Amino acid sequence: MGYSMSTPAPAEYQHKTRPVTRRYPEAPMVGTAVVVINAEGQVLLVKRARAPRIGSWGLPGGLLDLGERLVDGARREVMEECGVDVEIVELVAAFEPVYWDEDGRIEYHYVVLDYWGHYRSGEARPDDDAAAVAWVSAAELPLYDLLPDSAAVIAAALEKWQASTS
């Protein structure tokens, strides 16, 4: 019997997730990222502490654990990386980054589902996969040299946020 997105996982599956291997995967890895927006319209960014893209700025997020629901994984990753609780509002976009090594083998392959959400609580601080965190206004975003896909997702999320607050 299958379960829909709105059906909670059966009790025997809850809290029994396990992490997956990222590097040189046998199949694409599924992950989530979140455009967290606070009451002032600032976006929470993280500076990556691990490969791929170590040292670059982007959205908080990461891989799902086996058995974990998308929205649960998105909230968990924001909490783990930034110490912030977020209310997930909706899916904004999906993208598929693929990284090859020098020998032409696929080193990383992700399918990432990007959500946007409202900041709830917590003091933003770097942890887990984040070297730094920053609350950034829309005007400051170009200073963070974001990937074009990330910038587009943030712009779309900010439009949705503005529509929801007016």
Foldseek 3Di string as FASTA:
>chain_A
DDDDLPDDDPPVLPPPFDDDDFWLDPDAFEKEFEQEAEPVRWTKKFQFCDDDVHRAIFTFMDTDTPSDRHVRRHQVRCCQFWVWGWDWDDWQDWDWDWDADPVRGTTGIYIYTYTYTYTDDGGTAGHDGGPGMDGGHLVCVVVRVDDPVRNVSNVRNSVVVVVVVD
